[in-house]
Amino acid sequence: MGLAQVQLDEQEIQRQINERLDQIFRDTLILWDINEMSKRLCMSKSFLEENILHDPRMRLLERRKQNGKRFWYYEQSVQVIKQIMDEW
C-alpha cells in the first residue's frame, strides 16, 4: 500500500514539474516554427500544413523573409490553433 502511495506522489510531482516547465516555455517563447509546433502539439508537419497552417488566420500570423524559414508568434498562433480545432 505504501508503494502505491509513493507512485501517486511521484506522478503528481512529475505532473507539476511538467506544468511549470510548460509555463516557463510559454512565458519566454516569442516565436515558434513548424518543427516546434509539431513537437509541442503532437501533430505531424504534414497534418499541420494541411489542417492548421493553410488557414487564413494562421497565414496572417506567418513571418518570413523572402524564401526563408517560416515563424509564427507563439501566443497569437496558439489562440488561432485553438479556434481552428474548436471548429472541427
PDB file of N, CA and C in Angstrom:
ATOM      1  N   MET A   1       0.828  -1.191   0.000  1.00  0.00           N
ATOM      2  CA  MET A   1       0.000   0.000   0.000  1.00  0.00           C
ATOM      3  C   MET A   1       0.870   1.252   0.000  1.00  0.00           C
ATOM      4  N   GLY A   2       1.937   1.256   0.774  1.00  0.00           N
ATOM      5  CA  GLY A   2       2.832   2.397   0.808  1.00  0.00           C
ATOM      6  C   GLY A   2       3.482   2.644  -0.540  1.00  0.00           C
ATOM      7  N   LEU A   3       3.771   1.571  -1.268  1.00  0.00           N
ATOM      8  CA  LEU A   3       4.384   1.700  -2.578  1.00  0.00           C
ATOM      9  C   LEU A   3       3.461   2.413  -3.558  1.00  0.00           C
ATOM     10  N   ALA A   4       2.191   2.071  -3.540  1.00  0.00           N
ATOM     11  CA  ALA A   4       1.221   2.728  -4.418  1.00  0.00           C
ATOM     12  C   ALA A   4       1.138   4.216  -4.101  1.00  0.00           C
ATOM     13  N   GLN A   5       1.187   4.566  -2.847  1.00  0.00           N
ATOM     14  CA  GLN A   5       1.131   5.971  -2.450  1.00  0.00           C
ATOM     15  C   GLN A   5       2.340   6.729  -2.979  1.00  0.00           C
ATOM     16  N   VAL A   6       3.502   6.107  -2.916  1.00  0.00           N
ATOM     17  CA  VAL A   6       4.720   6.741  -3.418  1.00  0.00           C
ATOM     18  C   VAL A   6       4.609   6.959  -4.922  1.00  0.00           C
ATOM     19  N   GLN A   7       4.083   5.997  -5.681  1.00  0.00           N
ATOM     20  CA  GLN A   7       3.928   6.145  -7.115  1.00  0.00           C
ATOM     21  C   GLN A   7       2.982   7.295  -7.451  1.00  0.00           C
ATOM     22  N   LEU A   8       1.892   7.408  -6.712  1.00  0.00           N
ATOM     23  CA  LEU A   8       0.962   8.504  -6.943  1.00  0.00           C
ATOM     24  C   LEU A   8       1.627   9.848  -6.667  1.00  0.00           C
ATOM     25  N   ASP A   9       2.401   9.917  -5.598  1.00  0.00           N
ATOM     26  CA  ASP A   9       3.092  11.156  -5.274  1.00  0.00           C
ATOM     27  C   ASP A   9       4.121  11.505  -6.355  1.00  0.00           C
ATOM     28  N   GLU A  10       4.847  10.507  -6.842  1.00  0.00           N
ATOM     29  CA  GLU A  10       5.832  10.743  -7.895  1.00  0.00           C
ATOM     30  C   GLU A  10       5.150  11.224  -9.166  1.00  0.00           C
ATOM     31  N   GLN A  11       4.006  10.660  -9.484  1.00  0.00           N
ATOM     32  CA  GLN A  11       3.271  11.083 -10.669  1.00  0.00           C
ATOM     33  C   GLN A  11       2.803  12.526 -10.517  1.00  0.00           C
ATOM     34  N   GLU A  12       2.327  12.883  -9.346  1.00  0.00           N
ATOM     35  CA  GLU A  12       1.875  14.253  -9.100  1.00  0.00           C
ATOM     36  C   GLU A  12       3.046  15.227  -9.188  1.00  0.00           C
ATOM     37  N   ILE A  13       4.175  14.848  -8.636  1.00  0.00           N
ATOM     38  CA  ILE A  13       5.367  15.702  -8.702  1.00  0.00           C
ATOM     39  C   ILE A  13       5.780  15.894 -10.158  1.00  0.00           C
ATOM     40  N   GLN A  14       5.787  14.809 -10.936  1.00  0.00           N
ATOM     41  CA  GLN A  14       6.152  14.901 -12.349  1.00  0.00           C
ATOM     42  C   GLN A  14       5.167  15.789 -13.105  1.00  0.00           C
ATOM     43  N   ARG A  15       3.886  15.666 -12.809  1.00  0.00           N
ATOM     44  CA  ARG A  15       2.871  16.488 -13.459  1.00  0.00           C
ATOM     45  C   ARG A  15       3.101  17.960 -13.153  1.00  0.00           C
ATOM     46  N   GLN A  16       3.399  18.261 -11.888  1.00  0.00           N
ATOM     47  CA  GLN A  16       3.631  19.651 -11.510  1.00  0.00           C
ATOM     48  C   GLN A  16       4.896  20.206 -12.151  1.00  0.00           C
ATOM     49  N   ILE A  17       5.922  19.399 -12.249  1.00  0.00           N
ATOM     50  CA  ILE A  17       7.162  19.828 -12.906  1.00  0.00           C
ATOM     51  C   ILE A  17       6.882  20.127 -14.376  1.00  0.00           C
ATOM     52  N   ASN A  18       6.171  19.227 -15.051  1.00  0.00           N
ATOM     53  CA  ASN A  18       5.847  19.443 -16.462  1.00  0.00           C
ATOM     54  C   ASN A  18       4.989  20.685 -16.649  1.00  0.00           C
ATOM     55  N   GLU A  19       4.043  20.882 -15.767  1.00  0.00           N
ATOM     56  CA  GLU A  19       3.182  22.065 -15.841  1.00  0.00           C
ATOM     57  C   GLU A  19       4.002  23.344 -15.689  1.00  0.00           C
ATOM     58  N   ARG A  20       4.930  23.335 -14.761  1.00  0.00           N
ATOM     59  CA  ARG A  20       5.775  24.513 -14.533  1.00  0.00           C
ATOM     60  C   ARG A  20       6.708  24.764 -15.715  1.00  0.00           C
ATOM     61  N   LEU A  21       7.281  23.704 -16.263  1.00  0.00           N
ATOM     62  CA  LEU A  21       8.148  23.860 -17.429  1.00  0.00           C
ATOM     63  C   LEU A  21       7.372  24.403 -18.618  1.00  0.00           C
ATOM     64  N   ASP A  22       6.152  23.917 -18.804  1.00  0.00           N
ATOM     65  CA  ASP A  22       5.318  24.444 -19.885  1.00  0.00           C
ATOM     66  C   ASP A  22       5.023  25.922 -19.676  1.00  0.00           C
ATOM     67  N   GLN A  23       4.786  26.323 -18.441  1.00  0.00           N
ATOM     68  CA  GLN A  23       4.520  27.731 -18.144  1.00  0.00           C
ATOM     69  C   GLN A  23       5.743  28.589 -18.449  1.00  0.00           C
ATOM     70  N   ILE A  24       6.900  28.108 -18.060  1.00  0.00           N
ATOM     71  CA  ILE A  24       8.146  28.831 -18.353  1.00  0.00           C
ATOM     72  C   ILE A  24       8.335  28.944 -19.862  1.00  0.00           C
ATOM     73  N   PHE A  25       8.069  27.855 -20.570  1.00  0.00           N
ATOM     74  CA  PHE A  25       8.179  27.840 -22.023  1.00  0.00           C
ATOM     75  C   PHE A  25       7.261  28.894 -22.627  1.00  0.00           C
ATOM     76  N   ARG A  26       6.001  28.918 -22.199  1.00  0.00           N
ATOM     77  CA  ARG A  26       5.032  29.884 -22.726  1.00  0.00           C
ATOM     78  C   ARG A  26       5.433  31.316 -22.389  1.00  0.00           C
ATOM     79  N   ASP A  27       5.975  31.519 -21.204  1.00  0.00           N
ATOM     80  CA  ASP A  27       6.347  32.867 -20.782  1.00  0.00           C
ATOM     81  C   ASP A  27       7.547  33.417 -21.545  1.00  0.00           C
ATOM     82  N   THR A  28       8.418  32.550 -22.031  1.00  0.00           N
ATOM     83  CA  THR A  28       9.648  33.014 -22.653  1.00  0.00           C
ATOM     84  C   THR A  28       9.646  32.912 -24.175  1.00  0.00           C
ATOM     85  N   LEU A  29       8.740  32.140 -24.733  1.00  0.00           N
ATOM     86  CA  LEU A  29       8.731  31.924 -26.174  1.00  0.00           C
ATOM     87  C   LEU A  29       8.001  33.056 -26.885  1.00  0.00           C
ATOM     88  N   ILE A  30       8.622  33.613 -27.875  1.00  0.00           N
ATOM     89  CA  ILE A  30       8.017  34.676 -28.677  1.00  0.00           C
ATOM     90  C   ILE A  30       7.574  34.112 -30.017  1.00  0.00           C
ATOM     91  N   LEU A  31       8.467  33.383 -30.662  1.00  0.00           N
ATOM     92  CA  LEU A  31       8.188  32.791 -31.968  1.00  0.00           C
ATOM     93  C   LEU A  31       8.381  31.283 -31.905  1.00  0.00           C
ATOM     94  N   TRP A  32       7.707  30.586 -32.815  1.00  0.00           N
ATOM     95  CA  TRP A  32       7.993  29.171 -32.991  1.00  0.00           C
ATOM     96  C   TRP A  32       7.859  28.809 -34.453  1.00  0.00           C
ATOM     97  N   ASP A  33       8.493  27.706 -34.839  1.00  0.00           N
ATOM     98  CA  ASP A  33       8.465  27.268 -36.227  1.00  0.00           C
ATOM     99  C   ASP A  33       7.657  25.979 -36.322  1.00  0.00           C
ATOM    100  N   ILE A  34       7.550  25.435 -37.514  1.00  0.00           N
ATOM    101  CA  ILE A  34       6.745  24.236 -37.706  1.00  0.00           C
ATOM    102  C   ILE A  34       7.312  23.033 -36.945  1.00  0.00           C
ATOM    103  N   ASN A  35       8.625  22.973 -36.791  1.00  0.00           N
ATOM    104  CA  ASN A  35       9.225  21.865 -36.049  1.00  0.00           C
ATOM    105  C   ASN A  35       8.802  21.898 -34.585  1.00  0.00           C
ATOM    106  N   GLU A  36       8.853  23.085 -33.985  1.00  0.00           N
ATOM    107  CA  GLU A  36       8.452  23.225 -32.579  1.00  0.00           C
ATOM    108  C   GLU A  36       6.954  23.001 -32.429  1.00  0.00           C
ATOM    109  N   MET A  37       6.171  23.498 -33.381  1.00  0.00           N
ATOM    110  CA  MET A  37       4.724  23.260 -33.346  1.00  0.00           C
ATOM    111  C   MET A  37       4.424  21.771 -33.369  1.00  0.00           C
ATOM    112  N   SER A  38       5.072  21.079 -34.275  1.00  0.00           N
ATOM    113  CA  SER A  38       4.853  19.647 -34.423  1.00  0.00           C
ATOM    114  C   SER A  38       5.173  18.917 -33.124  1.00  0.00           C
ATOM    115  N   LYS A  39       6.268  19.281 -32.524  1.00  0.00           N
ATOM    116  CA  LYS A  39       6.693  18.651 -31.267  1.00  0.00           C
ATOM    117  C   LYS A  39       5.716  18.970 -30.135  1.00  0.00           C
ATOM    118  N   ARG A  40       5.386  20.222 -29.962  1.00  0.00           N
ATOM    119  CA  ARG A  40       4.532  20.665 -28.849  1.00  0.00           C
ATOM    120  C   ARG A  40       3.076  20.243 -28.995  1.00  0.00           C
ATOM    121  N   LEU A  41       2.593  20.186 -30.228  1.00  0.00           N
ATOM    122  CA  LEU A  41       1.185  19.861 -30.452  1.00  0.00           C
ATOM    123  C   LEU A  41       0.967  18.374 -30.725  1.00  0.00           C
ATOM    124  N   CYS A  42       2.053  17.616 -30.827  1.00  0.00           N
ATOM    125  CA  CYS A  42       1.964  16.173 -31.123  1.00  0.00           C
ATOM    126  C   CYS A  42       1.224  15.927 -32.435  1.00  0.00           C
ATOM    127  N   MET A  43       1.552  16.731 -33.435  1.00  0.00           N
ATOM    128  CA  MET A  43       0.961  16.601 -34.768  1.00  0.00           C
ATOM    129  C   MET A  43       2.095  16.576 -35.783  1.00  0.00           C
ATOM    130  N   SER A  44       1.900  15.814 -36.841  1.00  0.00           N
ATOM    131  CA  SER A  44       2.932  15.766 -37.880  1.00  0.00           C
ATOM    132  C   SER A  44       2.972  17.095 -38.633  1.00  0.00           C
ATOM    133  N   LYS A  45       4.096  17.347 -39.258  1.00  0.00           N
ATOM    134  CA  LYS A  45       4.231  18.575 -40.041  1.00  0.00           C
ATOM    135  C   LYS A  45       3.229  18.598 -41.188  1.00  0.00           C
ATOM    136  N   SER A  46       3.017  17.450 -41.819  1.00  0.00           N
ATOM    137  CA  SER A  46       2.070  17.411 -42.935  1.00  0.00           C
ATOM    138  C   SER A  46       0.647  17.683 -42.445  1.00  0.00           C
ATOM    139  N   PHE A  47       0.295  17.172 -41.280  1.00  0.00           N
ATOM    140  CA  PHE A  47      -1.034  17.446 -40.723  1.00  0.00           C
ATOM    141  C   PHE A  47      -1.176  18.933 -40.414  1.00  0.00           C
ATOM    142  N   LEU A  48      -0.149  19.524 -39.820  1.00  0.00           N
ATOM    143  CA  LEU A  48      -0.174  20.958 -39.530  1.00  0.00           C
ATOM    144  C   LEU A  48      -0.337  21.767 -40.814  1.00  0.00           C
ATOM    145  N   GLU A  49       0.430  21.410 -41.827  1.00  0.00           N
ATOM    146  CA  GLU A  49       0.344  22.134 -43.106  1.00  0.00           C
ATOM    147  C   GLU A  49      -1.077  22.075 -43.666  1.00  0.00           C
ATOM    148  N   GLU A  50      -1.647  20.889 -43.706  1.00  0.00           N
ATOM    149  CA  GLU A  50      -2.954  20.687 -44.328  1.00  0.00           C
ATOM    150  C   GLU A  50      -4.099  21.273 -43.517  1.00  0.00           C
ATOM    151  N   ASN A  51      -4.026  21.168 -42.203  1.00  0.00           N
ATOM    152  CA  ASN A  51      -5.186  21.479 -41.366  1.00  0.00           C
ATOM    153  C   ASN A  51      -5.081  22.752 -40.535  1.00  0.00           C
ATOM    154  N   ILE A  52      -3.886  23.263 -40.356  1.00  0.00           N
ATOM    155  CA  ILE A  52      -3.706  24.433 -39.492  1.00  0.00           C
ATOM    156  C   ILE A  52      -3.073  25.599 -40.253  1.00  0.00           C
ATOM    157  N   LEU A  53      -1.940  25.360 -40.854  1.00  0.00           N
ATOM    158  CA  LEU A  53      -1.139  26.452 -41.405  1.00  0.00           C
ATOM    159  C   LEU A  53      -1.699  27.060 -42.681  1.00  0.00           C
ATOM    160  N   HIS A  54      -2.569  26.352 -43.373  1.00  0.00           N
ATOM    161  CA  HIS A  54      -3.189  26.921 -44.571  1.00  0.00           C
ATOM    162  C   HIS A  54      -4.426  27.737 -44.244  1.00  0.00           C
ATOM    163  N   ASP A  55      -4.825  27.735 -43.008  1.00  0.00           N
ATOM    164  CA  ASP A  55      -5.968  28.544 -42.587  1.00  0.00           C
ATOM    165  C   ASP A  55      -5.582  30.022 -42.721  1.00  0.00           C
ATOM    166  N   PRO A  56      -6.472  30.853 -43.273  1.00  0.00           N
ATOM    167  CA  PRO A  56      -6.152  32.273 -43.464  1.00  0.00           C
ATOM    168  C   PRO A  56      -5.744  32.993 -42.174  1.00  0.00           C
ATOM    169  N   ARG A  57      -6.292  32.578 -41.057  1.00  0.00           N
ATOM    170  CA  ARG A  57      -5.936  33.218 -39.772  1.00  0.00           C
ATOM    171  C   ARG A  57      -4.479  32.942 -39.409  1.00  0.00           C
ATOM    172  N   MET A  58      -3.997  31.745 -39.708  1.00  0.00           N
ATOM    173  CA  MET A  58      -2.594  31.424 -39.430  1.00  0.00           C
ATOM    174  C   MET A  58      -1.679  32.091 -40.448  1.00  0.00           C
ATOM    175  N   ARG A  59      -2.129  32.193 -41.686  1.00  0.00           N
ATOM    176  CA  ARG A  59      -1.314  32.856 -42.706  1.00  0.00           C
ATOM    177  C   ARG A  59      -1.053  34.323 -42.346  1.00  0.00           C
ATOM    178  N   LEU A  60      -2.024  34.951 -41.705  1.00  0.00           N
ATOM    179  CA  LEU A  60      -1.831  36.341 -41.269  1.00  0.00           C
ATOM    180  C   LEU A  60      -0.719  36.467 -40.228  1.00  0.00           C
ATOM    181  N   LEU A  61      -0.518  35.415 -39.452  1.00  0.00           N
ATOM    182  CA  LEU A  61       0.488  35.456 -38.382  1.00  0.00           C
ATOM    183  C   LEU A  61       1.873  35.017 -38.858  1.00  0.00           C
ATOM    184  N   GLU A  62       1.945  34.414 -40.025  1.00  0.00           N
ATOM    185  CA  GLU A  62       3.209  33.875 -40.526  1.00  0.00           C
ATOM    186  C   GLU A  62       4.192  34.999 -40.842  1.00  0.00           C
ATOM    187  N   ARG A  63       5.427  34.803 -40.438  1.00  0.00           N
ATOM    188  CA  ARG A  63       6.506  35.756 -40.715  1.00  0.00           C
ATOM    189  C   ARG A  63       7.654  35.004 -41.355  1.00  0.00           C
ATOM    190  N   ARG A  64       8.197  35.597 -42.413  1.00  0.00           N
ATOM    191  CA  ARG A  64       9.389  35.027 -43.039  1.00  0.00           C
ATOM    192  C   ARG A  64      10.006  36.031 -43.987  1.00  0.00           C
ATOM    193  N   LYS A  65      11.297  35.904 -44.116  1.00  0.00           N
ATOM    194  CA  LYS A  65      11.981  36.683 -45.141  1.00  0.00           C
ATOM    195  C   LYS A  65      11.800  35.944 -46.453  1.00  0.00           C
ATOM    196  N   GLN A  66      12.077  36.628 -47.542  1.00  0.00           N
ATOM    197  CA  GLN A  66      11.902  36.024 -48.854  1.00  0.00           C
ATOM    198  C   GLN A  66      12.617  34.676 -48.918  1.00  0.00           C
ATOM    199  N   ASN A  67      11.871  33.634 -49.242  1.00  0.00           N
ATOM    200  CA  ASN A  67      12.375  32.263 -49.342  1.00  0.00           C
ATOM    201  C   ASN A  67      13.050  31.763 -48.064  1.00  0.00           C
ATOM    202  N   GLY A  68      12.699  32.322 -46.931  1.00  0.00           N
ATOM    203  CA  GLY A  68      13.313  31.921 -45.676  1.00  0.00           C
ATOM    204  C   GLY A  68      12.420  31.032 -44.833  1.00  0.00           C
ATOM    205  N   LYS A  69      12.920  30.703 -43.676  1.00  0.00           N
ATOM    206  CA  LYS A  69      12.198  29.875 -42.727  1.00  0.00           C
ATOM    207  C   LYS A  69      10.974  30.620 -42.210  1.00  0.00           C
ATOM    208  N   ARG A  70       9.886  29.890 -42.004  1.00  0.00           N
ATOM    209  CA  ARG A  70       8.649  30.495 -41.523  1.00  0.00           C
ATOM    210  C   ARG A  70       8.587  30.451 -40.003  1.00  0.00           C
ATOM    211  N   PHE A  71       8.046  31.510 -39.419  1.00  0.00           N
ATOM    212  CA  PHE A  71       7.844  31.604 -37.980  1.00  0.00           C
ATOM    213  C   PHE A  71       6.451  32.146 -37.719  1.00  0.00           C
ATOM    214  N   TRP A  72       5.926  31.855 -36.525  1.00  0.00           N
ATOM    215  CA  TRP A  72       4.638  32.385 -36.091  1.00  0.00           C
ATOM    216  C   TRP A  72       4.792  32.909 -34.679  1.00  0.00           C
ATOM    217  N   TYR A  73       4.104  34.002 -34.366  1.00  0.00           N
ATOM    218  CA  TYR A  73       4.091  34.486 -32.989  1.00  0.00           C
ATOM    219  C   TYR A  73       3.393  33.450 -32.130  1.00  0.00           C
ATOM    220  N   TYR A  74       4.041  33.066 -31.081  1.00  0.00           N
ATOM    221  CA  TYR A  74       3.576  31.946 -30.265  1.00  0.00           C
ATOM    222  C   TYR A  74       2.181  32.162 -29.690  1.00  0.00           C
ATOM    223  N   GLU A  75       2.018  33.183 -28.868  1.00  0.00           N
ATOM    224  CA  GLU A  75       0.746  33.387 -28.161  1.00  0.00           C
ATOM    225  C   GLU A  75      -0.422  33.553 -29.129  1.00  0.00           C
ATOM    226  N   GLN A  76      -0.244  34.368 -30.148  1.00  0.00           N
ATOM    227  CA  GLN A  76      -1.317  34.600 -31.114  1.00  0.00           C
ATOM    228  C   GLN A  76      -1.663  33.327 -31.873  1.00  0.00           C
ATOM    229  N   SER A  77      -0.655  32.589 -32.281  1.00  0.00           N
ATOM    230  CA  SER A  77      -0.916  31.371 -33.059  1.00  0.00           C
ATOM    231  C   SER A  77      -1.571  30.292 -32.208  1.00  0.00           C
ATOM    232  N   VAL A  78      -1.237  30.206 -30.949  1.00  0.00           N
ATOM    233  CA  VAL A  78      -1.891  29.226 -30.067  1.00  0.00           C
ATOM    234  C   VAL A  78      -3.382  29.523 -29.986  1.00  0.00           C
ATOM    235  N   GLN A  79      -3.734  30.789 -29.868  1.00  0.00           N
ATOM    236  CA  GLN A  79      -5.150  31.158 -29.811  1.00  0.00           C
ATOM    237  C   GLN A  79      -5.871  30.782 -31.109  1.00  0.00           C
ATOM    238  N   VAL A  80      -5.235  31.033 -32.240  1.00  0.00           N
ATOM    239  CA  VAL A  80      -5.841  30.694 -33.527  1.00  0.00           C
ATOM    240  C   VAL A  80      -5.955  29.175 -33.681  1.00  0.00           C
ATOM    241  N   ILE A  81      -4.944  28.452 -33.277  1.00  0.00           N
ATOM    242  CA  ILE A  81      -4.991  26.986 -33.355  1.00  0.00           C
ATOM    243  C   ILE A  81      -6.156  26.456 -32.516  1.00  0.00           C
ATOM    244  N   LYS A  82      -6.355  27.009 -31.347  1.00  0.00           N
ATOM    245  CA  LYS A  82      -7.495  26.596 -30.517  1.00  0.00           C
ATOM    246  C   LYS A  82      -8.810  26.865 -31.233  1.00  0.00           C
ATOM    247  N   GLN A  83      -8.928  28.026 -31.872  1.00  0.00           N
ATOM    248  CA  GLN A  83     -10.150  28.342 -32.624  1.00  0.00           C
ATOM    249  C   GLN A  83     -10.365  27.338 -33.751  1.00  0.00           C
ATOM    250  N   ILE A  84      -9.318  27.057 -34.494  1.00  0.00           N
ATOM    251  CA  ILE A  84      -9.423  26.122 -35.611  1.00  0.00           C
ATOM    252  C   ILE A  84      -9.851  24.746 -35.099  1.00  0.00           C
ATOM    253  N   MET A  85      -9.225  24.287 -34.050  1.00  0.00           N
ATOM    254  CA  MET A  85      -9.552  22.961 -33.524  1.00  0.00           C
ATOM    255  C   MET A  85     -10.966  22.908 -32.942  1.00  0.00           C
ATOM    256  N   ASP A  86     -11.439  23.991 -32.379  1.00  0.00           N
ATOM    257  CA  ASP A  86     -12.813  24.030 -31.858  1.00  0.00           C
ATOM    258  C   ASP A  86     -13.847  23.931 -32.972  1.00  0.00           C
ATOM    259  N   GLU A  87     -13.450  24.273 -34.180  1.00  0.00           N
ATOM    260  CA  GLU A  87     -14.358  24.219 -35.335  1.00  0.00           C
ATOM    261  C   GLU A  87     -14.428  22.836 -35.967  1.00  0.00           C
ATOM    262  N   TRP A  88     -13.549  21.934 -35.597  1.00  0.00           N
ATOM    263  CA  TRP A  88     -13.537  20.585 -36.178  1.00  0.00           C
ATOM    264  C   TRP A  88     -14.735  19.806 -35.729  1.00  0.00           C
TER     265      TRP A  88
END
